[in-house]
C-alpha atoms as a PDB file:
ATOM      1  CA  MET A   1       0.000   0.000   0.000  1.00  0.00           C
ATOM      2  CA  ARG A   2       1.068   3.589  -0.640  1.00  0.00           C
ATOM      3  CA  ALA A   3       0.040   6.742   1.204  1.00  0.00           C
ATOM      4  CA  ALA A   4      -2.174   9.082  -0.856  1.00  0.00           C
ATOM      5  CA  SER A   5      -4.199  12.236  -0.257  1.00  0.00           C
ATOM      6  CA  VAL A   6      -7.344  10.113   0.019  1.00  0.00           C
ATOM      7  CA  GLY A   7      -5.855   7.437   2.264  1.00  0.00           C
ATOM      8  CA  GLN A   8      -4.025   4.250   1.248  1.00  0.00           C
ATOM      9  CA  GLN A   9      -3.796   2.968  -2.332  1.00  0.00           C
ATOM     10  CA  CYS A  10      -2.326  -0.212  -3.745  1.00  0.00           C
ATOM     11  CA  VAL A  11       0.786  -0.111  -5.927  1.00  0.00           C
ATOM     12  CA  GLU A  12      -1.196  -1.073  -9.032  1.00  0.00           C
ATOM     13  CA  CYS A  13      -3.661   1.787  -8.445  1.00  0.00           C
ATOM     14  CA  VAL A  14      -0.836   4.305  -8.116  1.00  0.00           C
ATOM     15  CA  LYS A  15       0.744   3.093 -11.372  1.00  0.00           C
ATOM     16  CA  ALA A  16      -2.576   3.179 -13.221  1.00  0.00           C
ATOM     17  CA  GLY A  17      -3.245   6.701 -12.018  1.00  0.00           C
ATOM     18  CA  GLY A  18       0.147   7.879 -13.211  1.00  0.00           C
ATOM     19  CA  GLN A  19      -0.333   6.285 -16.603  1.00  0.00           C
ATOM     20  CA  SER A  20      -3.781   7.782 -17.110  1.00  0.00           C
ATOM     21  CA  ALA A  21      -2.707  11.360 -16.300  1.00  0.00           C
ATOM     22  CA  PRO A  22      -2.517  13.379 -19.556  1.00  0.00           C
ATOM     23  CA  PRO A  23       0.838  15.020 -20.354  1.00  0.00           C
ATOM     24  CA  ALA A  24       1.175  18.684 -19.450  1.00  0.00           C
ATOM     25  CA  ARG A  25       0.531  21.035 -22.372  1.00  0.00           C
ATOM     26  CA  THR A  26       1.356  24.651 -23.136  1.00  0.00           C
ATOM     27  CA  ALA A  27      -1.293  27.258 -23.883  1.00  0.00           C
ATOM     28  CA  PHE A  28      -1.190  26.369 -27.596  1.00  0.00           C
ATOM     29  CA  GLY A  29      -0.916  22.601 -27.280  1.00  0.00           C
ATOM     30  CA  GLY A  30       2.837  22.053 -27.088  1.00  0.00           C
ATOM     31  CA  ARG A  31       4.223  19.381 -24.774  1.00  0.00           C
ATOM     32  CA  VAL A  32       5.817  20.742 -21.608  1.00  0.00           C
ATOM     33  CA  ALA A  33       9.292  19.337 -20.976  1.00  0.00           C
ATOM     34  CA  SER A  34       9.480  17.128 -17.880  1.00  0.00           C
ATOM     35  CA  GLY A  35      12.253  16.152 -15.587  1.00  0.00           C
ATOM     36  CA  GLY A  36      12.349  14.295 -12.295  1.00  0.00           C
ATOM     37  CA  GLY A  37       8.637  13.605 -12.575  1.00  0.00           C
ATOM     38  CA  ARG A  38       7.737  17.302 -12.541  1.00  0.00           C
ATOM     39  CA  PRO A  39       7.118  19.787 -15.361  1.00  0.00           C
ATOM     40  CA  ALA A  40      10.313  21.626 -16.247  1.00  0.00           C
ATOM     41  CA  VAL A  41      10.518  24.993 -17.936  1.00  0.00           C
ATOM     42  CA  GLY A  42      13.176  24.871 -20.638  1.00  0.00           C
ATOM     43  CA  ALA A  43      14.356  26.638 -23.736  1.00  0.00           C
ATOM     44  CA  ILE A  44      16.645  24.067 -25.286  1.00  0.00           C
ATOM     45  CA  VAL A  45      15.796  25.061 -28.865  1.00  0.00           C
ATOM     46  CA  THR A  46      16.470  28.743 -28.209  1.00  0.00           C
ATOM     47  CA  PHE A  47      19.926  28.168 -26.791  1.00  0.00           C
ATOM     48  CA  SER A  48      20.723  25.516 -29.400  1.00  0.00           C
ATOM     49  CA  LEU A  49      19.941  28.077 -32.124  1.00  0.00           C
ATOM     50  CA  ILE A  50      22.196  30.604 -30.411  1.00  0.00           C
ATOM     51  CA  ALA A  51      25.002  28.039 -30.245  1.00  0.00           C
ATOM     52  CA  ILE A  52      24.611  27.216 -33.955  1.00  0.00           C
ATOM     53  CA  ASN A  53      24.604  30.886 -34.981  1.00  0.00           C
ATOM     54  CA  VAL A  54      27.627  31.777 -32.879  1.00  0.00           C
ATOM     55  CA  GLY A  55      29.484  28.636 -33.950  1.00  0.00           C
ATOM     56  CA  LEU A  56      28.956  29.355 -37.651  1.00  0.00           C
ATOM     57  CA  PHE A  57      29.946  32.976 -37.067  1.00  0.00           C
ATOM     58  CA  ILE A  58      33.311  31.757 -35.774  1.00  0.00           C
ATOM     59  CA  VAL A  59      33.652  29.347 -38.708  1.00  0.00           C
ATOM     60  CA  GLU A  60      32.847  32.185 -41.091  1.00  0.00           C
ATOM     61  CA  LEU A  61      35.606  34.301 -39.583  1.00  0.00           C
ATOM     62  CA  ALA A  62      38.062  31.504 -40.339  1.00  0.00           C
ATOM     63  CA  LYS A  63      36.591  30.819 -43.795  1.00  0.00           C
ATOM     64  CA  PRO A  64      35.146  34.027 -45.315  1.00  0.00           C
ATOM     65  CA  SER A  65      34.175  32.218 -48.529  1.00  0.00           C
ATOM     66  CA  LEU A  66      31.377  30.548 -46.586  1.00  0.00           C
ATOM     67  CA  ALA A  67      29.385  33.768 -46.909  1.00  0.00           C
ATOM     68  CA  THR A  68      29.464  33.501 -50.697  1.00  0.00           C
ATOM     69  CA  ASP A  69      28.858  29.762 -50.684  1.00  0.00           C
ATOM     70  CA  TRP A  70      25.873  29.805 -48.312  1.00  0.00           C
ATOM     71  CA  GLY A  71      24.454  33.339 -48.652  1.00  0.00           C
ATOM     72  CA  MET A  72      20.977  34.030 -49.976  1.00  0.00           C
ATOM     73  CA  VAL A  73      21.321  35.150 -53.589  1.00  0.00           C
ATOM     74  CA  ALA A  74      19.124  34.539 -56.616  1.00  0.00           C
ATOM     75  CA  GLY A  75      21.983  33.938 -59.005  1.00  0.00           C
ATOM     76  CA  TYR A  76      25.437  34.932 -60.087  1.00  0.00           C
ATOM     77  CA  THR A  77      28.217  33.528 -62.269  1.00  0.00           C
ATOM     78  CA  GLN A  78      31.631  32.586 -60.950  1.00  0.00           C
ATOM     79  CA  ASP A  79      34.376  31.076 -63.115  1.00  0.00           C
ATOM     80  CA  GLY A  80      31.823  30.567 -65.865  1.00  0.00           C
ATOM     81  CA  SER A  81      29.483  28.467 -63.719  1.00  0.00           C
ATOM     82  CA  PRO A  82      26.106  29.638 -62.360  1.00  0.00           C
ATOM     83  CA  HIS A  83      25.420  29.770 -58.630  1.00  0.00           C
ATOM     84  CA  GLY A  84      22.491  30.740 -56.447  1.00  0.00           C
ATOM     85  CA  VAL A  85      18.950  29.565 -55.826  1.00  0.00           C
ATOM     86  CA  VAL A  86      18.072  29.906 -59.505  1.00  0.00           C
ATOM     87  CA  ALA A  87      20.870  27.418 -60.249  1.00  0.00           C
ATOM     88  CA  GLY A  88      19.345  24.831 -57.942  1.00  0.00           C
ATOM     89  CA  GLU A  89      21.103  25.792 -54.704  1.00  0.00           C
ATOM     90  CA  TRP A  90      17.890  25.858 -52.654  1.00  0.00           C
ATOM     91  CA  TYR A  91      19.812  25.254 -49.423  1.00  0.00           C
ATOM     92  CA  ARG A  92      20.748  28.946 -49.462  1.00  0.00           C
ATOM     93  CA  LEU A  93      17.193  29.755 -48.402  1.00  0.00           C
ATOM     94  CA  ILE A  94      17.993  28.414 -44.919  1.00  0.00           C
ATOM     95  CA  THR A  95      21.797  28.444 -44.603  1.00  0.00           C
ATOM     96  CA  SER A  96      21.869  32.202 -45.149  1.00  0.00           C
ATOM     97  CA  ALA A  97      19.826  32.624 -41.961  1.00  0.00           C
ATOM     98  CA  PHE A  98      22.649  31.202 -39.858  1.00  0.00           C
ATOM     99  CA  LEU A  99      25.494  33.354 -41.173  1.00  0.00           C
ATOM    100  CA  PRO A 100      25.871  37.047 -40.285  1.00  0.00           C
ATOM    101  CA  PRO A 101      27.250  39.526 -42.854  1.00  0.00           C
ATOM    102  CA  ALA A 102      30.343  39.712 -40.698  1.00  0.00           C
ATOM    103  CA  VAL A 103      33.375  38.847 -42.752  1.00  0.00           C
ATOM    104  CA  THR A 104      35.573  40.906 -45.048  1.00  0.00           C
ATOM    105  CA  GLY A 105      37.925  39.561 -47.631  1.00  0.00           C
ATOM    106  CA  GLY A 106      40.765  39.674 -45.122  1.00  0.00           C
ATOM    107  CA  GLY A 107      38.945  37.463 -42.652  1.00  0.00           C
ATOM    108  CA  GLY A 108      38.073  40.203 -40.178  1.00  0.00           C
ATOM    109  CA  LEU A 109      34.924  41.866 -39.010  1.00  0.00           C
ATOM    110  CA  GLY A 110      33.391  44.294 -41.418  1.00  0.00           C
ATOM    111  CA  GLY A 111      30.324  46.456 -41.950  1.00  0.00           C
ATOM    112  CA  LEU A 112      27.382  45.741 -39.693  1.00  0.00           C
ATOM    113  CA  GLY A 113      28.348  42.108 -39.202  1.00  0.00           C
ATOM    114  CA  PHE A 114      29.317  42.116 -35.553  1.00  0.00           C
ATOM    115  CA  MET A 115      26.384  44.349 -34.630  1.00  0.00           C
ATOM    116  CA  ASP A 116      24.099  42.106 -36.692  1.00  0.00           C
ATOM    117  CA  ILE A 117      24.851  38.924 -34.770  1.00  0.00           C
ATOM    118  CA  LEU A 118      24.981  40.804 -31.470  1.00  0.00           C
ATOM    119  CA  PHE A 119      21.490  42.262 -31.964  1.00  0.00           C
ATOM    120  CA  ASN A 120      20.005  39.053 -33.348  1.00  0.00           C
ATOM    121  CA  MET A 121      21.316  36.892 -30.514  1.00  0.00           C
ATOM    122  CA  TRP A 122      20.201  39.460 -27.936  1.00  0.00           C
ATOM    123  CA  ALA A 123      16.737  39.449 -29.510  1.00  0.00           C
ATOM    124  CA  LEU A 124      16.702  35.646 -29.504  1.00  0.00           C
ATOM    125  CA  VAL A 125      17.519  35.610 -25.789  1.00  0.00           C
ATOM    126  CA  PHE A 126      14.946  38.340 -25.183  1.00  0.00           C
ATOM    127  CA  VAL A 127      11.917  36.676 -26.801  1.00  0.00           C
ATOM    128  CA  GLY A 128      13.026  33.081 -27.425  1.00  0.00           C
ATOM    129  CA  PRO A 129      12.740  31.360 -24.020  1.00  0.00           C
ATOM    130  CA  ALA A 130       9.325  32.809 -23.173  1.00  0.00           C
ATOM    131  CA  LEU A 131       7.961  32.097 -26.647  1.00  0.00           C
ATOM    132  CA  GLU A 132       9.360  28.561 -26.626  1.00  0.00           C
ATOM    133  CA  ARG A 133       7.724  27.867 -23.264  1.00  0.00           C
ATOM    134  CA  LEU A 134       4.450  29.214 -24.627  1.00  0.00           C
ATOM    135  CA  LEU A 135       4.446  27.345 -27.943  1.00  0.00           C
ATOM    136  CA  GLY A 136       6.425  24.263 -27.009  1.00  0.00           C
ATOM    137  CA  SER A 137       9.842  23.433 -28.452  1.00  0.00           C
ATOM    138  CA  LEU A 138       8.702  21.828 -31.726  1.00  0.00           C
ATOM    139  CA  ARG A 139       6.261  24.609 -32.597  1.00  0.00           C
ATOM    140  CA  PHE A 140       8.820  27.237 -31.665  1.00  0.00           C
ATOM    141  CA  LEU A 141      11.382  25.608 -33.959  1.00  0.00           C
ATOM    142  CA  GLY A 142       8.764  25.477 -36.701  1.00  0.00           C
ATOM    143  CA  VAL A 143       8.085  29.196 -36.377  1.00  0.00           C
ATOM    144  CA  TYR A 144      11.801  29.998 -36.446  1.00  0.00           C
ATOM    145  CA  VAL A 145      12.551  27.923 -39.546  1.00  0.00           C
ATOM    146  CA  VAL A 146       9.430  29.025 -41.436  1.00  0.00           C
ATOM    147  CA  SER A 147      10.210  32.666 -40.614  1.00  0.00           C
ATOM    148  CA  ALA A 148      13.742  32.251 -41.935  1.00  0.00           C
ATOM    149  CA  LEU A 149      12.394  30.692 -45.133  1.00  0.00           C
ATOM    150  CA  GLY A 150       9.720  33.370 -45.477  1.00  0.00           C
ATOM    151  CA  GLY A 151      12.353  36.078 -45.227  1.00  0.00           C
ATOM    152  CA  SER A 152      14.505  34.399 -47.867  1.00  0.00           C
ATOM    153  CA  VAL A 153      11.573  33.995 -50.244  1.00  0.00           C
ATOM    154  CA  MET A 154      10.588  37.665 -49.936  1.00  0.00           C
ATOM    155  CA  TYR A 155      14.212  38.594 -50.614  1.00  0.00           C
ATOM    156  CA  TYR A 156      14.233  36.233 -53.601  1.00  0.00           C
ATOM    157  CA  TYR A 157      11.312  38.130 -55.114  1.00  0.00           C
ATOM    158  CA  LEU A 158      12.144  41.730 -54.272  1.00  0.00           C
ATOM    159  CA  ALA A 159      15.938  42.051 -54.183  1.00  0.00           C
ATOM    160  CA  ALA A 160      18.288  42.345 -57.144  1.00  0.00           C
ATOM    161  CA  PRO A 161      19.130  38.859 -58.481  1.00  0.00           C
ATOM    162  CA  ASN A 162      22.852  39.240 -57.795  1.00  0.00           C
ATOM    163  CA  ALA A 163      22.474  40.840 -54.338  1.00  0.00           C
ATOM    164  CA  ILE A 164      23.521  38.583 -51.455  1.00  0.00           C
ATOM    165  CA  ALA A 165      21.935  38.563 -48.001  1.00  0.00           C
ATOM    166  CA  LEU A 166      23.054  36.986 -44.744  1.00  0.00           C
ATOM    167  CA  GLY A 167      21.831  36.972 -41.172  1.00  0.00           C
ATOM    168  CA  ALA A 168      19.167  35.692 -38.804  1.00  0.00           C
ATOM    169  CA  SER A 169      17.112  38.886 -38.920  1.00  0.00           C
ATOM    170  CA  GLY A 170      14.285  37.345 -40.953  1.00  0.00           C
ATOM    171  CA  ALA A 171      13.834  34.591 -38.376  1.00  0.00           C
ATOM    172  CA  ILE A 172      14.080  37.103 -35.518  1.00  0.00           C
ATOM    173  CA  PHE A 173      11.398  39.294 -37.071  1.00  0.00           C
ATOM    174  CA  GLY A 174       9.291  36.149 -37.354  1.00  0.00           C
ATOM    175  CA  LEU A 175       9.621  35.643 -33.594  1.00  0.00           C
ATOM    176  CA  PHE A 176       8.569  39.256 -33.085  1.00  0.00           C
ATOM    177  CA  GLY A 177       5.484  38.577 -35.179  1.00  0.00           C
ATOM    178  CA  ALA A 178       4.846  35.359 -33.269  1.00  0.00           C
ATOM    179  CA  TRP A 179       5.050  37.148 -29.926  1.00  0.00           C
ATOM    180  CA  PHE A 180       2.612  39.812 -31.135  1.00  0.00           C
ATOM    181  CA  VAL A 181       0.069  37.212 -32.282  1.00  0.00           C
ATOM    182  CA  ALA A 182       0.434  35.174 -29.090  1.00  0.00           C
ATOM    183  CA  SER A 183      -0.026  38.287 -26.963  1.00  0.00           C
ATOM    184  CA  ARG A 184      -3.184  39.224 -28.812  1.00  0.00           C
ATOM    185  CA  ARG A 185      -4.550  35.685 -28.541  1.00  0.00           C
ATOM    186  CA  LEU A 186      -3.960  35.593 -24.781  1.00  0.00           C
ATOM    187  CA  ARG A 187      -5.231  39.169 -24.352  1.00  0.00           C
ATOM    188  CA  LEU A 188      -1.887  40.395 -23.048  1.00  0.00           C
ATOM    189  CA  ASP A 189      -0.439  43.870 -23.462  1.00  0.00           C
ATOM    190  CA  ALA A 190       1.142  43.886 -26.946  1.00  0.00           C
ATOM    191  CA  ARG A 191       2.267  47.516 -26.963  1.00  0.00           C
ATOM    192  CA  GLY A 192       5.874  46.674 -26.110  1.00  0.00           C
ATOM    193  CA  ILE A 193       6.383  44.174 -28.930  1.00  0.00           C
ATOM    194  CA  SER A 194       4.426  46.411 -31.332  1.00  0.00           C
ATOM    195  CA  THR A 195       6.784  49.283 -30.588  1.00  0.00           C
ATOM    196  CA  LEU A 196       9.797  47.022 -31.057  1.00  0.00           C
ATOM    197  CA  ILE A 197       8.492  45.849 -34.446  1.00  0.00           C
ATOM    198  CA  VAL A 198       7.788  49.392 -35.653  1.00  0.00           C
ATOM    199  CA  ILE A 199      11.203  50.692 -34.548  1.00  0.00           C
ATOM    200  CA  ASN A 200      13.047  47.877 -36.276  1.00  0.00           C
ATOM    201  CA  LEU A 201      11.002  48.198 -39.461  1.00  0.00           C
ATOM    202  CA  VAL A 202      11.788  51.922 -39.568  1.00  0.00           C
ATOM    203  CA  ILE A 203      15.489  51.152 -39.151  1.00  0.00           C
ATOM    204  CA  SER A 204      15.229  48.542 -41.910  1.00  0.00           C
ATOM    205  CA  PHE A 205      13.779  51.021 -44.415  1.00  0.00           C
ATOM    206  CA  VAL A 206      15.975  53.960 -43.417  1.00  0.00           C
ATOM    207  CA  TRP A 207      19.129  51.898 -43.951  1.00  0.00           C
ATOM    208  CA  ARG A 208      17.679  49.773 -46.746  1.00  0.00           C
ATOM    209  CA  SER A 209      20.895  50.068 -48.765  1.00  0.00           C
ATOM    210  CA  THR A 210      22.745  47.978 -46.158  1.00  0.00           C
ATOM    211  CA  ILE A 211      19.890  46.048 -44.508  1.00  0.00           C
ATOM    212  CA  ALA A 212      17.843  43.317 -46.204  1.00  0.00           C
ATOM    213  CA  TRP A 213      14.465  44.829 -45.376  1.00  0.00           C
ATOM    214  CA  GLN A 214      12.798  42.304 -47.680  1.00  0.00           C
ATOM    215  CA  ALA A 215      13.870  39.452 -45.384  1.00  0.00           C
ATOM    216  CA  HIS A 216      12.615  41.367 -42.350  1.00  0.00           C
ATOM    217  CA  VAL A 217       9.159  41.855 -43.810  1.00  0.00           C
ATOM    218  CA  GLY A 218       8.946  38.301 -45.141  1.00  0.00           C
ATOM    219  CA  GLY A 219      10.044  36.789 -41.833  1.00  0.00           C
ATOM    220  CA  LEU A 220       7.600  38.946 -39.883  1.00  0.00           C
ATOM    221  CA  LEU A 221       4.654  37.883 -42.048  1.00  0.00           C
ATOM    222  CA  ALA A 222       5.589  34.199 -42.081  1.00  0.00           C
ATOM    223  CA  GLY A 223       6.130  34.014 -38.319  1.00  0.00           C
ATOM    224  CA  ALA A 224       2.893  35.827 -37.549  1.00  0.00           C
ATOM    225  CA  LEU A 225       0.894  33.662 -39.974  1.00  0.00           C
ATOM    226  CA  LEU A 226       2.157  30.341 -38.649  1.00  0.00           C
ATOM    227  CA  THR A 227       1.740  31.404 -35.032  1.00  0.00           C
ATOM    228  CA  ALA A 228      -1.833  32.501 -35.781  1.00  0.00           C
ATOM    229  CA  ALA A 229      -2.488  29.003 -37.108  1.00  0.00           C
ATOM    230  CA  TYR A 230      -1.073  27.542 -33.882  1.00  0.00           C
ATOM    231  CA  ALA A 231      -2.810  29.976 -31.547  1.00  0.00           C
ATOM    232  CA  TYR A 232      -6.278  29.946 -33.081  1.00  0.00           C
ATOM    233  CA  ALA A 233      -6.526  26.248 -33.905  1.00  0.00           C
ATOM    234  CA  PRO A 234      -9.555  24.715 -32.155  1.00  0.00           C
ATOM    235  CA  ARG A 235      -8.798  22.318 -29.302  1.00  0.00           C
ATOM    236  CA  LYS A 236     -10.372  19.387 -31.087  1.00  0.00           C
ATOM    237  CA  ASN A 237      -7.695  17.810 -33.306  1.00  0.00           C
ATOM    238  CA  ARG A 238      -5.491  20.815 -32.536  1.00  0.00           C
ATOM    239  CA  GLY A 239      -2.197  19.009 -33.034  1.00  0.00           C
ATOM    240  CA  LEU A 240      -3.250  17.616 -36.416  1.00  0.00           C
ATOM    241  CA  LEU A 241      -4.481  21.010 -37.584  1.00  0.00           C
ATOM    242  CA  GLN A 242      -1.250  22.688 -36.509  1.00  0.00           C
ATOM    243  CA  VAL A 243       0.830  20.126 -38.387  1.00  0.00           C
ATOM    244  CA  ALA A 244      -1.362  20.611 -41.455  1.00  0.00           C
ATOM    245  CA  ALA A 245      -0.963  24.402 -41.227  1.00  0.00           C
ATOM    246  CA  THR A 246       2.814  24.072 -41.009  1.00  0.00           C
ATOM    247  CA  ALA A 247       2.890  21.747 -44.009  1.00  0.00           C
ATOM    248  CA  ALA A 248       0.613  24.066 -45.993  1.00  0.00           C
ATOM    249  CA  ILE A 249       2.799  27.124 -45.390  1.00  0.00           C
ATOM    250  CA  VAL A 250       5.960  25.200 -46.256  1.00  0.00           C
ATOM    251  CA  ALA A 251       4.258  23.991 -49.438  1.00  0.00           C
ATOM    252  CA  LEU A 252       3.359  27.587 -50.339  1.00  0.00           C
ATOM    253  CA  ILE A 253       6.992  28.565 -49.827  1.00  0.00           C
ATOM    254  CA  VAL A 254       8.170  25.756 -52.110  1.00  0.00           C
ATOM    255  CA  VAL A 255       5.676  26.762 -54.801  1.00  0.00           C
ATOM    256  CA  ALA A 256       6.661  30.433 -54.496  1.00  0.00           C
ATOM    257  CA  VAL A 257      10.343  29.577 -54.898  1.00  0.00           C
ATOM    258  CA  ALA A 258       9.592  27.388 -57.920  1.00  0.00           C
ATOM    259  CA  ILE A 259       7.575  30.188 -59.562  1.00  0.00           C
ATOM    260  CA  ARG A 260      10.275  32.787 -58.958  1.00  0.00           C
ATOM    261  CA  THR A 261      12.966  30.437 -60.226  1.00  0.00           C
ATOM    262  CA  HIS A 262      10.964  29.893 -63.416  1.00  0.00           C
ATOM    263  CA  GLN A 263      10.581  33.650 -63.846  1.00  0.00           C
ATOM    264  CA  LEU A 264      14.327  34.268 -63.528  1.00  0.00           C
ATOM    265  CA  GLN A 265      15.222  31.395 -65.860  1.00  0.00           C
ATOM    266  CA  ARG A 266      13.089  32.729 -68.723  1.00  0.00           C
END
């Protein structure tokens, strides 16, 4: 027998009760991490993303050519061979989001590169853990990746074909959009995040010659859209609907890239 709040229970009853208890869920249906038998608040995806960004920043310092090899660019010709997304290098749509524009030809820091990764990682620390706890790790990762892709696609459409873009800003703007939508859904004060979005959009357009504003806008829209699908999904079959929404947005991104590639190849 085991002591319980209602008296004594047999071992089998205790086990059955533990097995029948539903797993803890976040406000939008994500699974809460557990440890030691109790719910644990974690942000493993947030800090893993920071580690990846910082690690690739260091690699980029040692190998500046990585910026050209992985940067987001529609197309260019080098040594007589075509490169870029239009040449089939679709991986640039996501790899560019993990490399800051931080390296000069001499292997040092140049331009806004150091400030770019500093701001983006600060922003990720600022909104990432709370948003990950709210959405759940998998949904948070989905919003981050889809925002990065959305930013790259918008850049693919609106930027000059030979212009290269680097940095996590598109994904970060997507998290800003996600936080705004989540705040509105939960009826929280969204004035702070709204102000942050407006200020950063103004900066993006004022310095549009050096900042990829297209990626900022695309990431913001993609992150807000996917989070809206997560936040407003009805409780019945919520998980299935959220997966379907993620797949649908990714499919739209793939179709959009295919259409733009066809346009540039004509």
